[in-house]
Amino acid sequence: MELLGLRTTIYPTDDLVASVKYFNELLGIEPYFDEPFYVGYNVGGYELGIDPNSDTADGTQSYWGVTDAVAAARELLASGAEIVSEVNDTGGGIKVAQFRLPDGNHFGIIENPHFKLS
């Protein structure tokens, strides 16, 4: 599997309003996507997301870029990883999935045909 580099980091939150206020001030920018189910910032071409539906106990989630999420998922499963969340099309051709590696760490992948560095 060829990793294309880190693409996205998602921060879970129990208080979306407070988290958005914090990141607006910290980053000095407004989110490009702001909905009750997800808020996304473009930070130097990378995604910083806030997810009120993720469990804060799971911590921050990072996603590595891949050219084919389905093929990468097969490779991860063959290597002994377990599925945390199946490959899911989140819209616009963007596909994500999360796995638990044999050592217990989470490993996310993202296929994003729109990704371009600033």
N, C-alpha and C. Protein backbone atom coordinates (compact mmCIF):
# COMPACT_ATOMS: atom_id res chain seq x y z
N MET A 1 0.85 -1.17 0.00
CA MET A 1 0.00 0.00 0.00
C MET A 1 0.89 1.23 0.00
N GLU A 2 0.62 2.13 -0.90
CA GLU A 2 1.37 3.38 -0.96
C GLU A 2 0.61 4.46 -0.19
N LEU A 3 1.27 5.00 0.85
CA LEU A 3 0.68 6.11 1.60
C LEU A 3 1.12 7.41 0.95
N LEU A 4 0.18 8.32 0.75
CA LEU A 4 0.45 9.59 0.07
C LEU A 4 0.76 10.72 1.05
N GLY A 5 0.78 10.42 2.33
CA GLY A 5 1.03 11.43 3.35
C GLY A 5 -0.23 11.69 4.15
N LEU A 6 -0.06 12.35 5.28
CA LEU A 6 -1.22 12.69 6.11
C LEU A 6 -2.11 13.66 5.36
N ARG A 7 -3.41 13.51 5.56
CA ARG A 7 -4.37 14.36 4.87
C ARG A 7 -5.32 15.08 5.84
N THR A 8 -5.77 14.35 6.85
CA THR A 8 -6.85 14.85 7.70
C THR A 8 -6.62 14.45 9.14
N THR A 9 -6.93 15.37 10.04
CA THR A 9 -6.97 15.07 11.47
C THR A 9 -8.32 15.53 12.00
N ILE A 10 -9.00 14.63 12.70
CA ILE A 10 -10.32 14.90 13.24
C ILE A 10 -10.23 14.93 14.77
N TYR A 11 -10.79 15.98 15.34
CA TYR A 11 -10.86 16.12 16.79
C TYR A 11 -12.30 15.89 17.23
N PRO A 12 -12.54 14.87 18.06
CA PRO A 12 -13.88 14.66 18.59
C PRO A 12 -14.19 15.74 19.64
N THR A 13 -15.47 16.05 19.80
CA THR A 13 -15.85 17.05 20.78
C THR A 13 -17.20 16.73 21.39
N ASP A 14 -17.36 17.12 22.64
CA ASP A 14 -18.66 17.04 23.31
C ASP A 14 -19.37 18.38 23.26
N ASP A 15 -18.66 19.43 22.82
CA ASP A 15 -19.23 20.78 22.77
C ASP A 15 -18.77 21.45 21.47
N LEU A 16 -19.55 21.25 20.42
CA LEU A 16 -19.18 21.74 19.09
C LEU A 16 -19.03 23.25 19.08
N VAL A 17 -19.94 23.97 19.71
CA VAL A 17 -19.89 25.44 19.71
C VAL A 17 -18.59 25.93 20.34
N ALA A 18 -18.22 25.37 21.48
CA ALA A 18 -16.99 25.78 22.16
C ALA A 18 -15.76 25.41 21.35
N SER A 19 -15.78 24.23 20.72
CA SER A 19 -14.63 23.79 19.91
C SER A 19 -14.45 24.69 18.69
N VAL A 20 -15.55 25.04 18.03
CA VAL A 20 -15.46 25.92 16.86
C VAL A 20 -14.93 27.29 17.27
N LYS A 21 -15.43 27.81 18.36
CA LYS A 21 -14.94 29.12 18.86
C LYS A 21 -13.43 29.04 19.13
N TYR A 22 -13.01 27.97 19.79
CA TYR A 22 -11.59 27.80 20.11
C TYR A 22 -10.74 27.75 18.83
N PHE A 23 -11.12 26.90 17.88
CA PHE A 23 -10.30 26.77 16.66
C PHE A 23 -10.37 28.02 15.78
N ASN A 24 -11.50 28.71 15.74
CA ASN A 24 -11.57 29.98 15.01
C ASN A 24 -10.52 30.95 15.55
N GLU A 25 -10.44 31.05 16.87
CA GLU A 25 -9.48 31.97 17.49
C GLU A 25 -8.04 31.46 17.32
N LEU A 26 -7.83 30.19 17.52
CA LEU A 26 -6.48 29.62 17.43
C LEU A 26 -5.93 29.74 16.01
N LEU A 27 -6.75 29.38 15.02
CA LEU A 27 -6.30 29.37 13.64
C LEU A 27 -6.40 30.72 12.96
N GLY A 28 -7.26 31.59 13.49
CA GLY A 28 -7.46 32.90 12.89
C GLY A 28 -8.22 32.84 11.57
N ILE A 29 -8.98 31.76 11.37
CA ILE A 29 -9.79 31.60 10.16
C ILE A 29 -11.15 31.02 10.54
N GLU A 30 -12.09 31.16 9.63
CA GLU A 30 -13.41 30.54 9.78
C GLU A 30 -13.39 29.19 9.05
N PRO A 31 -14.24 28.25 9.48
CA PRO A 31 -14.31 26.97 8.77
C PRO A 31 -14.87 27.14 7.37
N TYR A 32 -14.44 26.29 6.45
CA TYR A 32 -15.00 26.30 5.09
C TYR A 32 -16.27 25.46 5.05
N PHE A 33 -16.44 24.58 6.05
CA PHE A 33 -17.62 23.72 6.14
C PHE A 33 -18.09 23.75 7.58
N ASP A 34 -19.33 24.15 7.81
CA ASP A 34 -19.84 24.32 9.18
C ASP A 34 -21.27 23.81 9.26
N GLU A 35 -21.40 22.59 9.73
CA GLU A 35 -22.71 21.95 9.90
C GLU A 35 -22.78 21.34 11.29
N PRO A 36 -23.98 21.05 11.79
CA PRO A 36 -24.10 20.48 13.14
C PRO A 36 -23.43 19.11 13.30
N PHE A 37 -23.18 18.41 12.18
CA PHE A 37 -22.58 17.08 12.25
C PHE A 37 -21.08 17.06 12.00
N TYR A 38 -20.50 18.21 11.55
CA TYR A 38 -19.07 18.26 11.25
C TYR A 38 -18.68 19.68 10.89
N VAL A 39 -17.51 20.09 11.35
CA VAL A 39 -16.96 21.39 10.98
C VAL A 39 -15.55 21.14 10.45
N GLY A 40 -15.25 21.73 9.28
CA GLY A 40 -13.95 21.50 8.65
C GLY A 40 -13.23 22.79 8.33
N TYR A 41 -11.93 22.80 8.59
CA TYR A 41 -11.04 23.92 8.27
C TYR A 41 -10.01 23.45 7.26
N ASN A 42 -9.63 24.34 6.36
CA ASN A 42 -8.53 24.09 5.45
C ASN A 42 -7.32 24.80 6.05
N VAL A 43 -6.37 24.01 6.52
CA VAL A 43 -5.17 24.55 7.15
C VAL A 43 -3.96 24.17 6.29
N GLY A 44 -3.52 25.10 5.46
CA GLY A 44 -2.39 24.84 4.58
C GLY A 44 -2.64 23.72 3.60
N GLY A 45 -3.90 23.50 3.23
CA GLY A 45 -4.24 22.43 2.31
C GLY A 45 -4.66 21.15 2.99
N TYR A 46 -4.48 21.07 4.30
CA TYR A 46 -4.86 19.88 5.06
C TYR A 46 -6.17 20.12 5.78
N GLU A 47 -6.87 19.04 6.09
CA GLU A 47 -8.16 19.13 6.77
C GLU A 47 -7.98 19.01 8.29
N LEU A 48 -8.51 19.99 9.00
CA LEU A 48 -8.66 19.89 10.44
C LEU A 48 -10.16 19.86 10.68
N GLY A 49 -10.65 18.75 11.20
CA GLY A 49 -12.08 18.58 11.38
C GLY A 49 -12.45 18.48 12.85
N ILE A 50 -13.68 18.89 13.13
CA ILE A 50 -14.25 18.74 14.47
C ILE A 50 -15.51 17.90 14.31
N ASP A 51 -15.59 16.80 15.07
CA ASP A 51 -16.69 15.86 14.92
C ASP A 51 -17.41 15.66 16.24
N PRO A 52 -18.64 16.16 16.35
CA PRO A 52 -19.40 15.97 17.58
C PRO A 52 -19.97 14.56 17.73
N ASN A 53 -19.85 13.74 16.69
CA ASN A 53 -20.38 12.38 16.74
C ASN A 53 -19.33 11.33 17.08
N SER A 54 -18.07 11.75 17.22
CA SER A 54 -17.01 10.82 17.61
C SER A 54 -16.87 10.83 19.12
N ASP A 55 -16.43 9.73 19.64
CA ASP A 55 -16.24 9.57 21.09
C ASP A 55 -14.92 10.21 21.49
N THR A 56 -14.96 11.17 22.40
CA THR A 56 -13.73 11.83 22.84
C THR A 56 -12.76 10.85 23.49
N ALA A 57 -13.28 9.75 24.02
CA ALA A 57 -12.41 8.74 24.64
C ALA A 57 -11.52 8.07 23.60
N ASP A 58 -11.95 8.08 22.33
CA ASP A 58 -11.14 7.49 21.26
C ASP A 58 -10.00 8.41 20.84
N GLY A 59 -10.07 9.69 21.21
CA GLY A 59 -9.01 10.63 20.89
C GLY A 59 -9.03 11.09 19.44
N THR A 60 -7.99 11.79 19.09
CA THR A 60 -7.82 12.35 17.76
C THR A 60 -7.68 11.24 16.73
N GLN A 61 -8.25 11.45 15.55
CA GLN A 61 -8.17 10.48 14.47
C GLN A 61 -7.42 11.10 13.30
N SER A 62 -6.40 10.41 12.83
CA SER A 62 -5.66 10.86 11.66
C SER A 62 -5.93 9.93 10.49
N TYR A 63 -5.93 10.52 9.30
CA TYR A 63 -6.20 9.77 8.08
C TYR A 63 -5.05 9.95 7.10
N TRP A 64 -4.51 8.84 6.63
CA TRP A 64 -3.45 8.82 5.63
C TRP A 64 -4.07 8.75 4.24
N GLY A 65 -3.54 9.53 3.33
CA GLY A 65 -4.02 9.53 1.95
C GLY A 65 -3.64 8.26 1.23
N VAL A 66 -4.58 7.72 0.46
CA VAL A 66 -4.36 6.56 -0.40
C VAL A 66 -5.04 6.82 -1.73
N THR A 67 -4.59 6.15 -2.78
CA THR A 67 -5.23 6.33 -4.09
C THR A 67 -6.50 5.50 -4.23
N ASP A 68 -6.59 4.39 -3.50
CA ASP A 68 -7.75 3.49 -3.61
C ASP A 68 -8.06 2.95 -2.21
N ALA A 69 -9.11 3.49 -1.59
CA ALA A 69 -9.45 3.11 -0.22
C ALA A 69 -9.83 1.64 -0.10
N VAL A 70 -10.55 1.11 -1.07
CA VAL A 70 -10.98 -0.29 -1.00
C VAL A 70 -9.76 -1.22 -1.06
N ALA A 71 -8.83 -0.95 -1.97
CA ALA A 71 -7.62 -1.77 -2.07
C ALA A 71 -6.77 -1.64 -0.81
N ALA A 72 -6.65 -0.42 -0.29
CA ALA A 72 -5.86 -0.21 0.93
C ALA A 72 -6.51 -0.95 2.10
N ALA A 73 -7.83 -0.95 2.17
CA ALA A 73 -8.53 -1.67 3.24
C ALA A 73 -8.24 -3.16 3.17
N ARG A 74 -8.24 -3.70 1.96
CA ARG A 74 -7.92 -5.13 1.80
C ARG A 74 -6.51 -5.43 2.31
N GLU A 75 -5.57 -4.57 1.98
CA GLU A 75 -4.19 -4.77 2.43
C GLU A 75 -4.08 -4.68 3.95
N LEU A 76 -4.77 -3.71 4.54
CA LEU A 76 -4.73 -3.58 6.00
C LEU A 76 -5.32 -4.81 6.67
N LEU A 77 -6.44 -5.30 6.17
CA LEU A 77 -7.06 -6.50 6.73
C LEU A 77 -6.14 -7.71 6.58
N ALA A 78 -5.48 -7.84 5.44
CA ALA A 78 -4.56 -8.95 5.21
C ALA A 78 -3.35 -8.87 6.14
N SER A 79 -3.01 -7.66 6.58
CA SER A 79 -1.85 -7.50 7.46
C SER A 79 -2.19 -7.74 8.93
N GLY A 80 -3.47 -8.02 9.22
CA GLY A 80 -3.87 -8.29 10.60
C GLY A 80 -4.63 -7.17 11.27
N ALA A 81 -4.87 -6.09 10.57
CA ALA A 81 -5.67 -5.00 11.14
C ALA A 81 -7.13 -5.41 11.19
N GLU A 82 -7.88 -4.79 12.11
CA GLU A 82 -9.31 -5.05 12.24
C GLU A 82 -10.08 -3.79 11.85
N ILE A 83 -11.26 -3.96 11.29
CA ILE A 83 -12.09 -2.83 10.89
C ILE A 83 -12.70 -2.16 12.12
N VAL A 84 -12.54 -0.85 12.20
CA VAL A 84 -13.26 -0.04 13.18
C VAL A 84 -14.46 0.58 12.47
N SER A 85 -14.22 1.14 11.28
CA SER A 85 -15.32 1.63 10.44
C SER A 85 -14.99 1.30 8.99
N GLU A 86 -15.96 0.69 8.32
CA GLU A 86 -15.82 0.26 6.92
C GLU A 86 -15.53 1.46 6.01
N VAL A 87 -15.05 1.18 4.80
CA VAL A 87 -14.87 2.22 3.80
C VAL A 87 -16.24 2.86 3.55
N ASN A 88 -16.28 4.17 3.71
CA ASN A 88 -17.53 4.93 3.61
C ASN A 88 -17.31 6.12 2.69
N ASP A 89 -18.20 6.28 1.70
CA ASP A 89 -18.15 7.44 0.82
C ASP A 89 -18.84 8.59 1.54
N THR A 90 -18.08 9.62 1.88
CA THR A 90 -18.62 10.75 2.64
C THR A 90 -19.16 11.84 1.73
N GLY A 91 -19.09 11.63 0.43
CA GLY A 91 -19.59 12.60 -0.54
C GLY A 91 -18.46 13.13 -1.40
N GLY A 92 -18.78 13.47 -2.62
CA GLY A 92 -17.80 14.04 -3.53
C GLY A 92 -16.66 13.11 -3.88
N GLY A 93 -16.89 11.81 -3.76
CA GLY A 93 -15.84 10.84 -4.08
C GLY A 93 -14.83 10.63 -2.98
N ILE A 94 -15.04 11.23 -1.82
CA ILE A 94 -14.12 11.07 -0.68
C ILE A 94 -14.53 9.83 0.10
N LYS A 95 -13.57 8.93 0.29
CA LYS A 95 -13.83 7.68 1.01
C LYS A 95 -12.89 7.57 2.20
N VAL A 96 -13.44 7.18 3.34
CA VAL A 96 -12.64 7.05 4.56
C VAL A 96 -12.92 5.71 5.23
N ALA A 97 -11.98 5.27 6.03
CA ALA A 97 -12.15 4.07 6.85
C ALA A 97 -11.17 4.14 8.01
N GLN A 98 -11.51 3.45 9.09
CA GLN A 98 -10.64 3.37 10.27
C GLN A 98 -10.39 1.90 10.60
N PHE A 99 -9.17 1.62 11.04
CA PHE A 99 -8.77 0.27 11.41
C PHE A 99 -8.07 0.29 12.76
N ARG A 100 -8.05 -0.88 13.41
CA ARG A 100 -7.26 -1.06 14.62
C ARG A 100 -6.11 -1.98 14.24
N LEU A 101 -4.90 -1.49 14.41
CA LEU A 101 -3.72 -2.27 14.08
C LEU A 101 -3.50 -3.34 15.14
N PRO A 102 -2.68 -4.36 14.85
CA PRO A 102 -2.44 -5.43 15.83
C PRO A 102 -1.94 -4.91 17.18
N ASP A 103 -1.26 -3.76 17.20
CA ASP A 103 -0.77 -3.21 18.47
C ASP A 103 -1.83 -2.39 19.21
N GLY A 104 -3.04 -2.27 18.63
CA GLY A 104 -4.12 -1.55 19.28
C GLY A 104 -4.33 -0.12 18.80
N ASN A 105 -3.36 0.43 18.08
CA ASN A 105 -3.50 1.80 17.58
C ASN A 105 -4.52 1.87 16.45
N HIS A 106 -5.15 3.04 16.34
CA HIS A 106 -6.08 3.29 15.23
C HIS A 106 -5.28 3.80 14.03
N PHE A 107 -5.76 3.46 12.83
CA PHE A 107 -5.11 3.85 11.58
C PHE A 107 -6.21 4.19 10.59
N GLY A 108 -6.26 5.43 10.15
CA GLY A 108 -7.27 5.87 9.22
C GLY A 108 -6.71 6.06 7.82
N ILE A 109 -7.57 5.79 6.83
CA ILE A 109 -7.20 6.04 5.43
C ILE A 109 -8.26 6.93 4.81
N ILE A 110 -7.83 7.73 3.81
CA ILE A 110 -8.75 8.59 3.08
C ILE A 110 -8.34 8.63 1.62
N GLU A 111 -9.32 8.42 0.77
CA GLU A 111 -9.16 8.59 -0.67
C GLU A 111 -9.88 9.90 -1.00
N ASN A 112 -9.12 10.91 -1.36
CA ASN A 112 -9.72 12.23 -1.61
C ASN A 112 -9.25 12.75 -2.96
N PRO A 113 -10.07 12.63 -3.99
CA PRO A 113 -9.66 13.09 -5.33
C PRO A 113 -9.52 14.61 -5.43
N HIS A 114 -9.97 15.34 -4.42
CA HIS A 114 -9.92 16.81 -4.45
C HIS A 114 -8.72 17.37 -3.71
N PHE A 115 -7.92 16.52 -3.07
CA PHE A 115 -6.82 17.00 -2.24
C PHE A 115 -5.76 17.70 -3.07
N LYS A 116 -5.44 18.93 -2.67
CA LYS A 116 -4.36 19.70 -3.27
C LYS A 116 -3.71 20.54 -2.19
N LEU A 117 -2.40 20.48 -2.11
CA LEU A 117 -1.70 21.31 -1.12
C LEU A 117 -1.71 22.76 -1.54
N SER A 118 -1.76 23.64 -0.56
CA SER A 118 -1.71 25.08 -0.84
C SER A 118 -0.34 25.46 -1.34
